[in-house]
Amino acid sequence: DTERNLNCYIHSLQKSLLLSLQFPESIKMGKRQHQKDKMYVTATEWTTIYGGKKAGRGSKSEFRKLPFHCCSLSLQPFEHPLCTPEGVIFELMSIVPYLKKYGHNPITGEPMDAKSLIKLCFHKNADGKYHCPVTFKVFNENSHIVAIRTSGNVYSYEAVERLNIKSRNFRDLLNDEVFKRSDIITLQDPRNLEKFDVSQFYHIKQSLTVDKEEEEHEPTYYLRLLNPETRATLEELALETAEPAKREGKEKQKVTARNAAHYSTGAAAQGFTSTVSAPVTENEAAIVDRDTLRYRQIKKKGYVRLCTSLGDLNLELHCDLVPKTCENFLKHCKNGYYNKTVFHRSIRNFMIQGGDPTGSGKGGESIWGTPFRDEFKSNLTHSGRGVLSMANSGPNSNSSQFFITFRSCRHLDGKHSVFGRVVGGMDVLAAMERVETTDQDEPKEPISISGASVFVDPYEEVEEKMKEQEEREREESKAKEAQELANKAGVASEPKVYRAGVGKYIQPAQPNRRKRPGEPAAQPSKKKKSGFGDFSDW
C-alpha cells in the first residue's frame, strides 16, 4: 500500500509539472492546487497533453462499401451484369452510354473499350437470392465470389478451389468448357474490398454523369441505401401492387356457403384500430382459395402408366394426401410434357431420376411456371422399393423432375415430397437398375419415356362437380335477384280500392253467415281453469 500511494503521488506531481509547462497561467498555489487531479488520465488530458485523437474527421473520408450486386456506375442493383477483367461489375444499360460519351473506365479513369467487358451469369435460388449453382450457398457481403471469363458463370471461390484448382481440372462446373487458371476473375474478396470504396471512384470524384431523357422508373430506383426491414417491406408492397390493371378488371368474388371460410377478413378490426385503412362496420367471411376447395373434395387415388423403352410402369398417386404435387405430375402426363424425355441419372441401390426435358438435370418447370412448395406427410416416407418422389434443388423448389427409389431411403424424408409408388412393373424397374452407367451416373443405354396414360384423374371429377355447383349457385342467385325485383315492383304498385270515399283502401269485414240446415252447432269454448288443479297434467 505504501508503494502504491507513493506511485500515485509521483504521478500527480508529474501531471502538475506537465500542466505548468503547457499552461503556465493555470498554475495554482495553496491547499487546493491538486483538488482536480485524478488517479487516471482524463479525456481532456489525453487529447491536450498526450496527443490523443482529436474531434472531427481526418484527411481520409469514411469507407463506404458498394454491395456486390450493385452496378459500380449507377450504384443500383444490376439486371444485366458485365464486368471488367479486374472484376468491377457494371450494368449494361449504364456502362454503354457512359463509354460512348467518355471512353474511359468510370472507376480508374483509364481508357476502356466496351469489347473488354465480360458478360456475367448470376444464378438465383427459389427465394430470388443470388447463390452458387454448385454449393447452393447464398452470396452475402462476406462471400468470396469469382467468375469464369470464358463462360461468365459465377461461383463461390470455395467450389472453384476444391473442384478446379486443387484437382487441376480446369473445366467449367456447369457446361464443362475448358478454361485457364488466369480466366478466374475475382468479383468480391472479403479480405480486399478497396475496389468497392465508393468515395474513390473516378466518376464520383469528377461528378461525371450521362444526360438521359427523363424516364419513368420504379420508386425504389432513386433509393441509395436500404436497411433490411425497408427492403422487405418494399418487396412485399411490390407483390401486392403487381399487375394492378388485371386486378382492377377482375370482378370481386362473391362469398357463398361453399367458399366462405370459418374466419373473417379482419377488415372490421383493421378499420377500427388503424388510422390508414377505411372503416368497415360489418364483418365479412374470408373467401377460401379455389384450389383449396378442390383439394378438400379429392378423396381418391390417381393412377398413371409410364411407357418406357424397357417396359411399362404403373404408378399409384396419393392425390388425397398431397394434392398439389400429384396434380403437377398428372397434368404433365396428360399434356405430354414427359414424352421423349430420358432418365438422366441412375444410381444402383439408390434411385433413378427423370422428368427433365433438357436431359441435363437442371431443367424443367411446374404446370404453374414457378416452383411450388413441398408437401410432407408423416405416413408417406421413402420406405421400400418403388417409391415415387419429387426431385428438387432445395426447400420449396419442386418443378417437374421426379425419381423412383430402388431401396429404402429414409434419410430423404422431410427433404423430398413422396407422392406415389410403383404398383405394377417391378421387373421393369429391376431392368432399369441393371443398366450400366457412366462416372456421372448417366445410363449408357438411354432409358426414355415414350408416353404416359392417365387411368384415373380425381381432379377432373372434382372440377365437374364444382362447375355444376357454381352453375346451380348462379341460377339461384339470378332467381333470388328476380324475386327481389318482383317484390319491389309489387310494393310500388297501386293499392287495391274496396269502396269510394274515406277508407276506400280498407278491406271490409265479412258479414255474419247464417247457419245452414244440417250444419253442426259450434261448440262453446271452455274456460281455462286457473290454479294447479289435481296435478293430473304433470
Protein backbone atom coordinates (compact mmCIF):
# COMPACT_ATOMS: atom_id res chain seq x y z
CA ASP A 1 0.00 0.00 0.00
CA THR A 2 2.82 2.39 0.78
CA GLU A 3 4.41 1.76 -2.62
CA ARG A 4 1.09 2.28 -4.39
CA ASN A 5 0.47 5.57 -2.58
CA LEU A 6 3.98 6.70 -3.46
CA ASN A 7 3.45 5.92 -7.16
CA CYS A 8 0.16 7.82 -7.15
CA TYR A 9 1.82 10.81 -5.54
CA ILE A 10 4.63 10.77 -8.10
CA HIS A 11 2.08 10.52 -10.94
CA SER A 12 0.19 13.51 -9.55
CA LEU A 13 3.37 15.55 -9.38
CA GLN A 14 4.21 14.66 -12.98
CA LYS A 15 0.79 15.79 -14.15
CA SER A 16 1.13 19.06 -12.27
CA LEU A 17 4.54 19.65 -13.81
CA LEU A 18 3.26 18.97 -17.32
CA LEU A 19 0.30 21.27 -16.79
CA SER A 20 2.55 24.03 -15.54
CA LEU A 21 4.74 23.66 -18.64
CA GLN A 22 1.79 23.58 -21.05
CA PHE A 23 -0.39 26.17 -19.35
CA PRO A 24 1.69 28.46 -17.08
CA GLU A 25 -1.28 30.75 -16.46
CA SER A 26 -3.25 27.87 -14.88
CA ILE A 27 -0.76 27.26 -12.05
CA LYS A 28 -2.48 27.39 -8.71
CA MET A 29 -0.94 27.73 -5.30
CA GLY A 30 -2.28 26.78 -1.90
CA LYS A 31 -4.05 23.85 -0.34
CA ARG A 32 -6.45 23.20 -3.23
CA GLN A 33 -3.92 23.12 -6.03
CA HIS A 34 -4.38 19.35 -6.57
CA GLN A 35 -8.12 19.10 -5.99
CA LYS A 36 -8.81 18.40 -9.71
CA ASP A 37 -6.12 15.77 -10.05
CA LYS A 38 -7.47 12.29 -10.81
CA MET A 39 -5.90 8.91 -10.27
CA TYR A 40 -6.33 8.23 -14.03
CA VAL A 41 -5.75 10.06 -17.31
CA THR A 42 -8.84 12.10 -18.16
CA ALA A 43 -10.20 12.65 -21.68
CA THR A 44 -9.08 16.28 -21.66
CA GLU A 45 -5.55 15.31 -20.64
CA TRP A 46 -5.46 12.62 -23.29
CA THR A 47 -6.44 15.00 -26.10
CA THR A 48 -4.50 18.10 -24.97
CA ILE A 49 -1.36 16.82 -23.25
CA TYR A 50 -0.67 13.31 -24.51
CA GLY A 51 -1.59 13.92 -28.18
CA GLY A 52 -4.67 11.71 -28.37
CA LYS A 53 -7.34 11.58 -31.10
CA LYS A 54 -8.82 14.97 -31.91
CA ALA A 55 -12.51 15.52 -32.59
CA GLY A 56 -13.56 15.75 -36.21
CA ARG A 57 -12.70 13.70 -39.32
CA GLY A 58 -9.24 13.19 -40.60
CA SER A 59 -7.98 13.70 -44.12
CA LYS A 60 -9.39 10.35 -45.27
CA SER A 61 -13.14 10.02 -45.67
CA GLU A 62 -15.03 7.12 -44.16
CA PHE A 63 -15.13 3.88 -46.14
CA ARG A 64 -18.42 3.42 -48.00
CA LYS A 65 -18.77 -0.10 -49.37
CA LEU A 66 -20.80 -0.84 -52.50
CA PRO A 67 -22.80 -4.12 -52.32
CA PHE A 68 -21.63 -6.83 -54.71
CA HIS A 69 -24.99 -6.94 -56.51
CA CYS A 70 -24.91 -3.26 -57.47
CA CYS A 71 -23.52 -1.52 -60.54
CA SER A 72 -20.34 0.48 -59.84
CA LEU A 73 -21.59 3.28 -62.11
CA SER A 74 -25.28 3.71 -61.26
CA LEU A 75 -24.85 2.33 -57.70
CA GLN A 76 -28.15 0.46 -58.22
CA PRO A 77 -28.84 -3.31 -58.32
CA PHE A 78 -27.96 -4.68 -61.74
CA GLU A 79 -30.15 -6.70 -64.08
CA HIS A 80 -27.74 -7.37 -66.97
CA PRO A 81 -24.30 -7.53 -65.30
CA LEU A 82 -20.99 -7.06 -67.10
CA CYS A 83 -17.53 -6.96 -65.54
CA THR A 84 -14.04 -5.80 -66.40
CA PRO A 85 -11.02 -8.15 -66.34
CA GLU A 86 -10.30 -6.71 -62.87
CA GLY A 87 -13.72 -7.85 -61.58
CA VAL A 88 -15.55 -4.50 -61.43
CA ILE A 89 -19.25 -5.04 -62.17
CA PHE A 90 -21.39 -2.67 -64.27
CA GLU A 91 -24.96 -2.63 -65.55
CA LEU A 92 -25.29 -2.94 -69.34
CA MET A 93 -27.76 -0.06 -69.63
CA SER A 94 -25.46 2.25 -67.64
CA ILE A 95 -21.94 1.46 -68.86
CA VAL A 96 -22.61 1.53 -72.62
CA PRO A 97 -23.86 5.18 -72.76
CA TYR A 98 -21.03 6.19 -70.41
CA LEU A 99 -18.36 4.64 -72.65
CA LYS A 100 -19.87 6.25 -75.74
CA LYS A 101 -19.62 9.68 -74.11
CA TYR A 102 -16.35 9.49 -72.14
CA GLY A 103 -14.50 6.36 -73.34
CA HIS A 104 -12.73 5.59 -70.08
CA ASN A 105 -13.17 3.35 -67.04
CA PRO A 106 -15.56 5.01 -64.57
CA ILE A 107 -13.59 3.62 -61.62
CA THR A 108 -9.95 4.29 -62.57
CA GLY A 109 -10.30 6.88 -65.34
CA GLU A 110 -8.12 4.82 -67.71
CA PRO A 111 -9.18 4.27 -71.36
CA MET A 112 -11.56 1.34 -71.79
CA ASP A 113 -13.43 -0.27 -74.67
CA ALA A 114 -16.82 -1.97 -74.46
CA LYS A 115 -15.35 -5.08 -76.10
CA SER A 116 -13.26 -5.77 -73.00
CA LEU A 117 -16.36 -6.24 -70.85
CA ILE A 118 -17.37 -9.79 -69.92
CA LYS A 119 -20.98 -10.89 -69.64
CA LEU A 120 -21.78 -12.46 -66.25
CA CYS A 121 -24.33 -15.15 -65.49
CA PHE A 122 -25.56 -15.00 -61.89
CA HIS A 123 -27.86 -17.74 -60.56
CA LYS A 124 -30.76 -17.28 -58.14
CA ASN A 125 -32.44 -19.73 -55.77
CA ALA A 126 -36.16 -20.22 -55.20
CA ASP A 127 -36.25 -17.14 -52.92
CA GLY A 128 -34.77 -14.91 -55.64
CA LYS A 129 -31.37 -14.51 -53.92
CA TYR A 130 -28.03 -14.89 -55.70
CA HIS A 131 -26.28 -18.15 -54.85
CA CYS A 132 -23.60 -20.54 -56.06
CA PRO A 133 -25.09 -23.08 -58.51
CA VAL A 134 -22.74 -25.79 -57.20
CA THR A 135 -22.73 -25.42 -53.41
CA PHE A 136 -26.13 -23.60 -53.30
CA LYS A 137 -24.73 -21.19 -50.71
CA VAL A 138 -26.36 -17.75 -50.79
CA PHE A 139 -23.97 -14.91 -51.58
CA ASN A 140 -23.62 -12.13 -48.99
CA GLU A 141 -21.28 -9.25 -48.24
CA ASN A 142 -18.65 -11.63 -46.81
CA SER A 143 -18.66 -14.23 -49.60
CA HIS A 144 -15.66 -14.84 -51.83
CA ILE A 145 -17.18 -14.68 -55.33
CA VAL A 146 -15.40 -15.50 -58.61
CA ALA A 147 -16.39 -15.74 -62.28
CA ILE A 148 -15.04 -17.70 -65.24
CA ARG A 149 -14.00 -15.46 -68.13
CA THR A 150 -14.88 -17.93 -70.92
CA SER A 151 -18.42 -18.78 -69.80
CA GLY A 152 -19.31 -15.89 -67.49
CA ASN A 153 -20.71 -18.26 -64.85
CA VAL A 154 -20.41 -17.02 -61.26
CA TYR A 155 -19.42 -19.40 -58.43
CA SER A 156 -18.21 -19.26 -54.87
CA TYR A 157 -14.43 -19.44 -54.58
CA GLU A 158 -14.78 -22.47 -52.34
CA ALA A 159 -16.34 -24.52 -55.15
CA VAL A 160 -13.76 -23.44 -57.74
CA GLU A 161 -10.88 -24.04 -55.33
CA ARG A 162 -11.97 -27.56 -54.42
CA LEU A 163 -13.25 -28.80 -57.76
CA ASN A 164 -10.97 -26.94 -60.21
CA ILE A 165 -7.81 -25.58 -58.63
CA LYS A 166 -6.90 -28.36 -56.21
CA SER A 167 -7.90 -31.14 -58.58
CA ARG A 168 -6.28 -29.29 -61.54
CA ASN A 169 -9.40 -29.87 -63.58
CA PHE A 170 -9.89 -26.55 -65.34
CA ARG A 171 -13.33 -27.20 -66.82
CA ASP A 172 -16.44 -25.14 -66.17
CA LEU A 173 -18.57 -26.74 -63.46
CA LEU A 174 -21.80 -26.21 -65.43
CA ASN A 175 -21.07 -26.53 -69.16
CA ASP A 176 -17.72 -28.40 -68.95
CA GLU A 177 -15.98 -25.69 -71.00
CA VAL A 178 -12.17 -25.61 -70.78
CA PHE A 179 -10.53 -22.52 -69.23
CA LYS A 180 -7.17 -21.42 -67.81
CA ARG A 181 -6.17 -20.53 -64.28
CA SER A 182 -5.85 -16.91 -65.41
CA ASP A 183 -9.50 -16.92 -66.53
CA ILE A 184 -10.70 -16.93 -62.91
CA ILE A 185 -11.86 -13.37 -62.12
CA THR A 186 -12.41 -12.29 -58.52
CA LEU A 187 -15.63 -10.33 -58.19
CA GLN A 188 -15.57 -9.98 -54.39
CA ASP A 189 -12.85 -10.85 -51.92
CA PRO A 190 -13.79 -10.10 -48.29
CA ARG A 191 -10.10 -9.58 -47.47
CA ASN A 192 -9.65 -6.96 -50.19
CA LEU A 193 -12.54 -4.52 -50.51
CA GLU A 194 -10.71 -1.48 -51.87
CA LYS A 195 -12.43 -1.63 -55.26
CA PHE A 196 -15.82 -1.29 -53.51
CA ASP A 197 -14.92 2.06 -51.89
CA VAL A 198 -17.43 4.45 -53.47
CA SER A 199 -15.52 7.55 -52.39
CA GLN A 200 -12.53 6.51 -54.55
CA PHE A 201 -14.48 6.06 -57.81
CA TYR A 202 -13.24 8.35 -60.57
CA HIS A 203 -16.72 9.29 -61.81
CA ILE A 204 -17.74 10.19 -58.23
CA LYS A 205 -14.73 12.43 -57.70
CA GLN A 206 -15.18 14.17 -61.06
CA SER A 207 -19.03 14.20 -60.84
CA LEU A 208 -19.35 12.66 -64.30
CA THR A 209 -22.87 11.75 -65.43
CA VAL A 210 -24.61 10.83 -68.64
CA ASP A 211 -27.52 13.04 -69.65
CA LYS A 212 -30.54 10.82 -70.25
CA GLU A 213 -34.04 11.59 -71.26
CA GLU A 214 -36.42 11.59 -68.37
CA GLU A 215 -37.70 8.06 -67.96
CA GLU A 216 -40.23 6.56 -65.65
CA HIS A 217 -38.58 4.34 -63.07
CA GLU A 218 -39.82 2.37 -60.14
CA PRO A 219 -39.95 4.32 -56.85
CA THR A 220 -37.05 2.25 -55.48
CA TYR A 221 -34.82 3.30 -58.39
CA TYR A 222 -33.85 6.52 -56.65
CA LEU A 223 -33.17 4.99 -53.24
CA ARG A 224 -29.49 4.76 -52.42
CA LEU A 225 -29.43 2.98 -49.06
CA LEU A 226 -31.97 0.48 -47.74
CA ASN A 227 -31.96 -1.38 -44.47
CA PRO A 228 -33.25 -4.99 -44.44
CA GLU A 229 -36.61 -4.03 -42.92
CA THR A 230 -37.29 -1.39 -45.59
CA ARG A 231 -36.20 -3.74 -48.37
CA ALA A 232 -38.53 -6.49 -47.13
CA THR A 233 -41.42 -4.03 -46.87
CA LEU A 234 -40.88 -2.72 -50.40
CA GLU A 235 -40.70 -6.26 -51.81
CA GLU A 236 -43.98 -7.15 -50.12
CA LEU A 237 -45.53 -3.93 -51.42
CA ALA A 238 -44.39 -4.74 -54.95
CA LEU A 239 -46.06 -8.14 -54.76
CA GLU A 240 -49.31 -6.61 -53.51
CA THR A 241 -49.39 -3.93 -56.21
CA ALA A 242 -48.28 -6.18 -59.10
CA GLU A 243 -50.42 -6.01 -62.22
CA PRO A 244 -53.00 -3.55 -60.83
CA ALA A 245 -54.78 -3.30 -64.16
CA LYS A 246 -55.54 -7.00 -64.22
CA ARG A 247 -56.69 -6.95 -60.63
CA GLU A 248 -58.97 -3.96 -61.20
CA GLY A 249 -60.52 -5.66 -64.23
CA LYS A 250 -61.50 -8.73 -62.23
CA GLU A 251 -64.85 -8.75 -60.51
CA LYS A 252 -64.88 -9.19 -56.79
CA GLN A 253 -65.60 -12.79 -55.92
CA LYS A 254 -68.82 -13.26 -54.00
CA VAL A 255 -68.95 -15.09 -50.69
CA THR A 256 -71.14 -18.19 -50.84
CA ALA A 257 -71.83 -21.06 -48.49
CA ARG A 258 -69.38 -23.13 -50.49
CA ASN A 259 -66.32 -20.85 -50.45
CA ALA A 260 -66.87 -18.99 -47.15
CA ALA A 261 -64.13 -19.52 -44.56
CA HIS A 262 -64.79 -20.01 -40.84
CA TYR A 263 -62.85 -16.79 -40.16
CA SER A 264 -63.42 -13.20 -41.27
CA THR A 265 -61.31 -10.97 -43.48
CA GLY A 266 -60.29 -8.87 -40.47
CA ALA A 267 -61.26 -5.67 -42.28
CA ALA A 268 -63.58 -4.53 -39.49
CA ALA A 269 -60.90 -4.87 -36.81
CA GLN A 270 -58.33 -3.26 -39.09
CA GLY A 271 -60.59 -0.32 -39.84
CA PHE A 272 -61.35 0.09 -36.14
CA THR A 273 -57.72 0.11 -34.97
CA SER A 274 -55.93 1.62 -37.98
CA THR A 275 -55.83 5.28 -38.95
CA VAL A 276 -54.91 4.42 -42.54
CA SER A 277 -57.49 1.80 -43.53
CA ALA A 278 -61.02 2.81 -44.39
CA PRO A 279 -63.54 1.99 -41.63
CA VAL A 280 -65.62 -1.18 -42.18
CA THR A 281 -68.69 -1.70 -39.99
CA GLU A 282 -69.63 -5.26 -40.96
CA ASN A 283 -67.70 -8.48 -40.55
CA GLU A 284 -67.37 -10.42 -43.78
CA ALA A 285 -66.23 -14.01 -44.10
CA ALA A 286 -62.95 -14.58 -45.92
CA ILE A 287 -63.01 -16.40 -49.26
CA VAL A 288 -61.24 -19.75 -49.47
CA ASP A 289 -58.96 -20.21 -52.46
CA ARG A 290 -60.40 -22.26 -55.33
CA ASP A 291 -57.51 -24.73 -55.29
CA THR A 292 -58.02 -25.29 -51.58
CA LEU A 293 -61.70 -26.05 -52.21
CA ARG A 294 -60.79 -28.51 -54.95
CA TYR A 295 -58.16 -30.26 -52.85
CA ARG A 296 -60.63 -30.68 -49.97
CA GLN A 297 -63.01 -32.67 -52.17
CA ILE A 298 -60.39 -35.10 -53.52
CA LYS A 299 -60.82 -38.47 -51.81
CA LYS A 300 -59.45 -40.85 -54.48
CA LYS A 301 -56.07 -42.06 -55.66
CA GLY A 302 -54.76 -41.35 -59.15
CA TYR A 303 -53.37 -43.99 -61.49
CA VAL A 304 -50.89 -43.45 -64.34
CA ARG A 305 -48.92 -45.69 -66.69
CA LEU A 306 -45.46 -44.58 -67.88
CA CYS A 307 -44.39 -46.26 -71.13
CA THR A 308 -40.59 -46.54 -71.15
CA SER A 309 -38.12 -48.10 -73.55
CA LEU A 310 -37.70 -51.07 -71.15
CA GLY A 311 -41.42 -51.59 -70.40
CA ASP A 312 -44.39 -50.06 -68.62
CA LEU A 313 -44.53 -48.74 -65.06
CA ASN A 314 -47.92 -48.49 -63.33
CA LEU A 315 -47.98 -45.75 -60.71
CA GLU A 316 -50.41 -45.00 -57.89
CA LEU A 317 -50.59 -41.33 -56.88
CA HIS A 318 -51.60 -40.16 -53.39
CA CYS A 319 -53.89 -37.38 -54.63
CA ASP A 320 -55.89 -37.39 -51.39
CA LEU A 321 -52.78 -36.71 -49.27
CA VAL A 322 -50.51 -34.50 -51.40
CA PRO A 323 -52.92 -32.99 -53.96
CA LYS A 324 -50.75 -30.18 -55.32
CA THR A 325 -47.76 -32.42 -56.10
CA CYS A 326 -49.95 -35.09 -57.71
CA GLU A 327 -51.81 -32.51 -59.80
CA ASN A 328 -48.50 -31.24 -61.19
CA PHE A 329 -47.45 -34.78 -62.17
CA LEU A 330 -50.86 -35.72 -63.63
CA LYS A 331 -51.15 -32.57 -65.75
CA HIS A 332 -47.62 -33.10 -67.13
CA CYS A 333 -48.55 -36.68 -68.03
CA LYS A 334 -51.72 -35.52 -69.76
CA ASN A 335 -50.21 -32.71 -71.81
CA GLY A 336 -47.28 -34.87 -73.00
CA TYR A 337 -44.62 -32.95 -71.10
CA TYR A 338 -42.72 -36.17 -70.26
CA ASN A 339 -42.91 -37.60 -73.78
CA LYS A 340 -39.49 -38.28 -75.37
CA THR A 341 -37.67 -37.42 -72.12
CA VAL A 342 -34.98 -39.67 -70.62
CA PHE A 343 -33.97 -40.83 -67.16
CA HIS A 344 -30.77 -38.79 -66.93
CA ARG A 345 -29.49 -40.15 -63.61
CA SER A 346 -29.39 -43.68 -62.19
CA ILE A 347 -27.57 -44.93 -59.10
CA ARG A 348 -27.72 -48.63 -58.30
CA ASN A 349 -29.20 -49.47 -54.88
CA PHE A 350 -30.42 -45.88 -54.61
CA MET A 351 -32.77 -44.38 -57.25
CA ILE A 352 -33.38 -43.41 -60.88
CA GLN A 353 -34.29 -39.81 -61.79
CA GLY A 354 -36.12 -38.28 -64.78
CA GLY A 355 -38.66 -35.68 -65.84
CA ASP A 356 -36.25 -33.11 -67.30
CA PRO A 357 -36.99 -32.17 -70.94
CA THR A 358 -33.41 -30.93 -71.39
CA GLY A 359 -31.92 -34.20 -70.15
CA SER A 360 -29.26 -32.34 -68.14
CA GLY A 361 -30.88 -32.47 -64.69
CA LYS A 362 -31.05 -28.67 -64.49
CA GLY A 363 -34.25 -28.01 -66.47
CA GLY A 364 -37.99 -28.49 -66.15
CA GLU A 365 -40.77 -26.40 -64.67
CA SER A 366 -44.10 -26.96 -62.95
CA ILE A 367 -47.52 -26.56 -64.57
CA TRP A 368 -47.77 -23.14 -62.87
CA GLY A 369 -44.48 -21.96 -64.36
CA THR A 370 -42.86 -21.41 -60.96
CA PRO A 371 -41.54 -23.80 -58.27
CA PHE A 372 -44.13 -24.89 -55.71
CA ARG A 373 -43.94 -25.77 -52.04
CA ASP A 374 -43.09 -29.14 -50.53
CA GLU A 375 -45.86 -31.38 -49.18
CA PHE A 376 -44.78 -33.70 -46.38
CA LYS A 377 -46.95 -36.30 -44.65
CA SER A 378 -45.82 -38.40 -41.71
CA ASN A 379 -47.27 -41.57 -43.25
CA LEU A 380 -45.56 -41.02 -46.63
CA THR A 381 -41.92 -42.00 -46.32
CA HIS A 382 -39.16 -43.34 -48.56
CA SER A 383 -39.66 -46.88 -47.28
CA GLY A 384 -39.21 -49.81 -49.62
CA ARG A 385 -38.64 -50.18 -53.33
CA GLY A 386 -40.60 -48.25 -55.96
CA VAL A 387 -41.39 -45.06 -54.01
CA LEU A 388 -42.20 -42.11 -56.32
CA SER A 389 -40.90 -38.76 -55.03
CA MET A 390 -40.10 -35.23 -56.25
CA ALA A 391 -36.56 -34.13 -57.05
CA ASN A 392 -35.60 -30.58 -56.07
CA SER A 393 -32.67 -28.23 -55.61
CA GLY A 394 -33.62 -27.15 -52.07
CA PRO A 395 -36.67 -26.42 -49.94
CA ASN A 396 -39.83 -25.47 -51.89
CA SER A 397 -38.16 -25.75 -55.32
CA ASN A 398 -40.22 -28.54 -56.91
CA SER A 399 -40.68 -28.38 -60.69
CA SER A 400 -41.14 -31.40 -62.99
CA GLN A 401 -38.32 -33.79 -62.07
CA PHE A 402 -39.07 -36.94 -60.07
CA PHE A 403 -37.26 -40.11 -59.01
CA ILE A 404 -38.13 -43.73 -58.14
CA THR A 405 -36.24 -45.46 -55.36
CA PHE A 406 -34.52 -48.85 -55.67
CA ARG A 407 -34.43 -49.29 -51.89
CA SER A 408 -35.47 -47.54 -48.66
CA CYS A 409 -34.04 -44.02 -48.37
CA ARG A 410 -35.30 -42.73 -45.03
CA HIS A 411 -32.64 -40.02 -44.99
CA LEU A 412 -34.66 -38.26 -47.72
CA ASP A 413 -37.77 -37.93 -45.51
CA GLY A 414 -38.64 -34.31 -44.87
CA LYS A 415 -36.49 -33.18 -47.84
CA HIS A 416 -38.33 -34.63 -50.86
CA SER A 417 -42.12 -34.92 -51.25
CA VAL A 418 -43.36 -38.51 -51.62
CA PHE A 419 -46.45 -38.56 -53.85
CA GLY A 420 -46.82 -42.11 -55.20
CA ARG A 421 -45.49 -45.64 -55.62
CA VAL A 422 -45.00 -48.29 -58.28
CA VAL A 423 -47.85 -50.83 -58.23
CA GLY A 424 -47.01 -52.64 -61.44
CA GLY A 425 -43.84 -53.25 -63.44
CA MET A 426 -41.32 -54.15 -60.75
CA ASP A 427 -39.47 -56.27 -63.32
CA VAL A 428 -39.11 -53.15 -65.50
CA LEU A 429 -37.73 -51.24 -62.50
CA ALA A 430 -35.21 -54.04 -61.94
CA ALA A 431 -34.17 -53.86 -65.61
CA MET A 432 -33.61 -50.12 -65.21
CA GLU A 433 -31.38 -50.72 -62.21
CA ARG A 434 -29.24 -53.21 -64.17
CA VAL A 435 -28.38 -50.69 -66.91
CA GLU A 436 -24.70 -49.67 -66.76
CA THR A 437 -23.91 -46.02 -66.04
CA THR A 438 -21.04 -43.61 -66.63
CA ASP A 439 -18.93 -41.89 -63.98
CA GLN A 440 -21.53 -39.09 -63.98
CA ASP A 441 -24.32 -41.63 -63.12
CA GLU A 442 -25.81 -41.27 -66.61
CA PRO A 443 -27.18 -44.53 -68.14
CA LYS A 444 -25.02 -45.75 -71.02
CA GLU A 445 -28.13 -47.15 -72.70
CA PRO A 446 -30.73 -44.34 -72.86
CA ILE A 447 -33.91 -45.11 -70.91
CA SER A 448 -36.62 -42.92 -72.45
CA ILE A 449 -40.30 -42.24 -71.77
CA SER A 450 -42.36 -42.66 -74.95
CA GLY A 451 -45.68 -41.63 -73.43
CA ALA A 452 -47.99 -41.62 -70.41
CA SER A 453 -51.58 -42.81 -69.95
CA VAL A 454 -53.81 -41.48 -67.18
CA PHE A 455 -56.36 -44.05 -65.98
CA VAL A 456 -57.90 -42.21 -63.01
CA ASP A 457 -57.85 -38.43 -62.64
CA PRO A 458 -59.67 -37.31 -59.45
CA TYR A 459 -59.19 -33.66 -60.36
CA GLU A 460 -61.43 -33.88 -63.43
CA GLU A 461 -64.28 -35.37 -61.39
CA VAL A 462 -63.99 -32.68 -58.73
CA GLU A 463 -63.77 -29.97 -61.40
CA GLU A 464 -67.02 -31.16 -62.99
CA LYS A 465 -68.78 -31.22 -59.61
CA MET A 466 -67.57 -27.70 -58.81
CA LYS A 467 -68.77 -26.42 -62.18
CA GLU A 468 -72.22 -27.91 -61.54
CA GLN A 469 -72.31 -26.33 -58.08
CA GLU A 470 -71.24 -22.95 -59.45
CA GLU A 471 -73.89 -23.15 -62.20
CA ARG A 472 -76.54 -24.04 -59.62
CA GLU A 473 -75.48 -21.16 -57.38
CA ARG A 474 -75.53 -18.79 -60.33
CA GLU A 475 -79.08 -19.81 -61.24
CA GLU A 476 -80.23 -19.50 -57.62
CA SER A 477 -78.65 -16.06 -57.40
CA LYS A 478 -80.41 -14.94 -60.58
CA ALA A 479 -83.75 -16.30 -59.31
CA LYS A 480 -83.27 -14.53 -55.98
CA GLU A 481 -82.50 -11.23 -57.69
CA ALA A 482 -85.55 -11.60 -59.91
CA GLN A 483 -87.73 -12.30 -56.87
CA GLU A 484 -86.38 -9.21 -55.09
CA LEU A 485 -87.11 -7.09 -58.15
CA ALA A 486 -90.64 -8.52 -58.33
CA ASN A 487 -91.23 -7.77 -54.63
CA LYS A 488 -90.01 -4.23 -55.09
CA ALA A 489 -92.30 -3.81 -58.10
CA GLY A 490 -95.28 -5.16 -56.07
CA VAL A 491 -94.71 -2.68 -53.27
CA ALA A 492 -94.56 0.18 -55.72
CA SER A 493 -97.87 -0.75 -57.44
CA GLU A 494 -101.17 1.00 -56.60
CA PRO A 495 -103.13 -0.47 -53.63
CA LYS A 496 -106.48 -2.18 -54.21
CA VAL A 497 -109.59 0.03 -53.82
CA TYR A 498 -112.57 -1.56 -51.99
CA ARG A 499 -115.04 1.38 -51.82
CA ALA A 500 -115.36 5.08 -52.63
CA GLY A 501 -114.69 7.85 -50.20
CA VAL A 502 -112.84 7.75 -46.91
CA GLY A 503 -111.41 4.31 -46.09
CA LYS A 504 -111.54 3.07 -49.66
CA TYR A 505 -108.36 1.00 -49.18
CA ILE A 506 -109.64 -0.81 -46.04
CA GLN A 507 -110.93 -4.32 -46.70
CA PRO A 508 -114.50 -4.64 -45.31
CA ALA A 509 -115.22 -7.27 -42.63
CA GLN A 510 -117.03 -10.46 -43.66
CA PRO A 511 -120.79 -10.38 -42.69
CA ASN A 512 -122.13 -12.92 -40.17
CA ARG A 513 -123.13 -16.01 -42.09
CA ARG A 514 -126.40 -17.75 -41.18
CA LYS A 515 -126.37 -21.36 -40.09
CA ARG A 516 -127.31 -23.74 -42.84
CA PRO A 517 -129.72 -26.63 -42.15
CA GLY A 518 -127.89 -29.77 -41.07
CA GLU A 519 -124.72 -27.88 -40.11
CA PRO A 520 -123.49 -28.84 -36.59
CA ALA A 521 -123.63 -26.13 -33.99
CA ALA A 522 -120.38 -24.55 -32.92
CA GLN A 523 -119.27 -25.78 -29.51
CA PRO A 524 -118.60 -23.05 -26.96
CA SER A 525 -115.00 -22.69 -25.88
CA LYS A 526 -114.21 -23.99 -22.45
CA LYS A 527 -112.96 -21.52 -19.90
CA LYS A 528 -109.48 -22.39 -18.76
CA LYS A 529 -109.29 -23.16 -15.08
CA SER A 530 -106.79 -21.26 -13.04
CA GLY A 531 -104.55 -22.85 -10.43
CA PHE A 532 -102.79 -26.21 -10.34
CA GLY A 533 -105.91 -28.37 -10.31
CA ASP A 534 -105.39 -32.01 -9.37
CA PHE A 535 -101.88 -32.27 -10.84
CA SER A 536 -103.13 -34.75 -13.48
CA ASP A 537 -101.28 -32.94 -16.26
CA TRP A 538 -97.90 -33.12 -14.52
